[in-house]
Amino acid sequence: MGPSCQSCGLPLMRPSDFGKEANGVLKIDYCGYCYDKGRFTEPDLTIDQMADKLAVPMAEKRGMPVEAAWAQAKEVLVRLKRWRAREAK
């Protein structure tokens, strides 16, 4: 298992999965959905809003209730760099 996005947890398997800095250099910590052109695509997104975004597709993929998927997503998100940095503030 390779690296994963430190914002949403998406596995980063191909160069096209990675986000980019403003100068086009790949950002190894984040995916292109979360980070592009040197900044977060949704800079004001909260951890709960990210869990909301992930819960439905996760529930569908894993055949589980949305509430359980949301809780599972939140457990993963709290360990990721983007959200740890916000908790430290």
Protein backbone atom coordinates (compact mmCIF):
# COMPACT_ATOMS: atom_id res chain seq x y z
CA MET A 1 0.00 0.00 0.00
CA GLY A 2 1.41 3.34 -1.03
CA PRO A 3 0.81 6.84 0.26
CA SER A 4 -2.63 8.29 0.75
CA CYS A 5 -4.04 11.81 0.65
CA GLN A 6 -3.56 13.51 4.00
CA SER A 7 -6.89 15.28 3.57
CA CYS A 8 -9.38 12.63 2.36
CA GLY A 9 -7.47 9.34 2.62
CA LEU A 10 -7.59 8.53 -1.12
CA PRO A 11 -4.80 6.12 -2.10
CA LEU A 12 -2.21 7.87 -4.27
CA MET A 13 -1.17 5.26 -6.78
CA ARG A 14 -0.38 7.16 -10.00
CA PRO A 15 1.23 10.55 -10.64
CA SER A 16 -2.15 11.80 -11.88
CA ASP A 17 -3.62 11.13 -8.40
CA PHE A 18 -1.39 13.70 -6.70
CA GLY A 19 -2.22 17.35 -6.19
CA LYS A 20 0.05 20.04 -7.60
CA GLU A 21 1.80 23.12 -6.34
CA ALA A 22 1.27 26.43 -8.17
CA ASN A 23 4.39 25.72 -10.26
CA GLY A 24 3.09 22.29 -11.34
CA VAL A 25 5.29 20.21 -9.01
CA LEU A 26 3.46 17.23 -7.51
CA LYS A 27 2.36 17.62 -3.89
CA ILE A 28 3.13 14.26 -2.33
CA ASP A 29 0.81 14.70 0.68
CA TYR A 30 -2.48 15.44 -1.08
CA CYS A 31 -4.62 14.26 -4.00
CA GLY A 32 -5.70 16.43 -6.89
CA TYR A 33 -9.29 16.57 -5.59
CA CYS A 34 -8.18 18.17 -2.33
CA TYR A 35 -5.16 20.20 -3.43
CA ASP A 36 -4.47 22.04 -6.69
CA LYS A 37 -2.42 25.03 -7.85
CA GLY A 38 -0.72 25.34 -4.48
CA ARG A 39 -3.80 25.40 -2.26
CA PHE A 40 -6.65 23.33 -0.93
CA THR A 41 -9.57 23.23 -3.35
CA GLU A 42 -11.96 23.77 -0.42
CA PRO A 43 -9.92 25.68 2.14
CA ASP A 44 -12.80 26.24 4.57
CA LEU A 45 -13.97 22.61 4.59
CA THR A 46 -14.30 21.15 8.08
CA ILE A 47 -13.46 17.62 9.10
CA ASP A 48 -17.17 16.88 9.57
CA GLN A 49 -17.94 18.19 6.08
CA MET A 50 -15.21 15.96 4.67
CA ALA A 51 -16.73 12.98 6.49
CA ASP A 52 -20.11 13.96 4.97
CA LYS A 53 -18.56 13.91 1.48
CA LEU A 54 -16.99 10.50 2.02
CA ALA A 55 -19.82 8.71 3.86
CA VAL A 56 -22.28 7.99 1.03
CA PRO A 57 -19.81 6.60 -1.52
CA MET A 58 -18.07 4.66 1.23
CA ALA A 59 -21.38 3.19 2.43
CA GLU A 60 -22.34 2.19 -1.10
CA LYS A 61 -18.97 0.61 -1.82
CA ARG A 62 -18.84 -1.33 1.45
CA GLY A 63 -22.56 -2.13 1.77
CA MET A 64 -22.94 -0.47 5.15
CA PRO A 65 -25.22 2.18 6.68
CA VAL A 66 -24.23 5.78 5.95
CA GLU A 67 -23.98 6.54 9.67
CA ALA A 68 -21.45 3.73 10.16
CA ALA A 69 -19.48 4.88 7.11
CA TRP A 70 -19.44 8.45 8.44
CA ALA A 71 -18.10 7.27 11.80
CA GLN A 72 -15.45 5.14 10.10
CA ALA A 73 -14.43 8.03 7.83
CA LYS A 74 -14.11 10.33 10.83
CA GLU A 75 -11.85 7.79 12.59
CA VAL A 76 -9.49 7.87 9.60
CA LEU A 77 -9.67 11.62 9.02
CA VAL A 78 -8.62 12.59 12.55
CA ARG A 79 -5.27 10.88 11.92
CA LEU A 80 -4.52 12.72 8.67
CA LYS A 81 -2.10 15.65 8.44
CA ARG A 82 -4.62 18.28 7.31
CA TRP A 83 -6.96 17.68 10.23
CA ARG A 84 -4.26 17.13 12.87
CA ALA A 85 -2.84 20.54 11.93
CA ARG A 86 -6.22 22.18 12.55
CA GLU A 87 -6.64 20.45 15.90
CA ALA A 88 -3.24 21.77 17.02
CA LYS A 89 -4.38 25.39 16.55
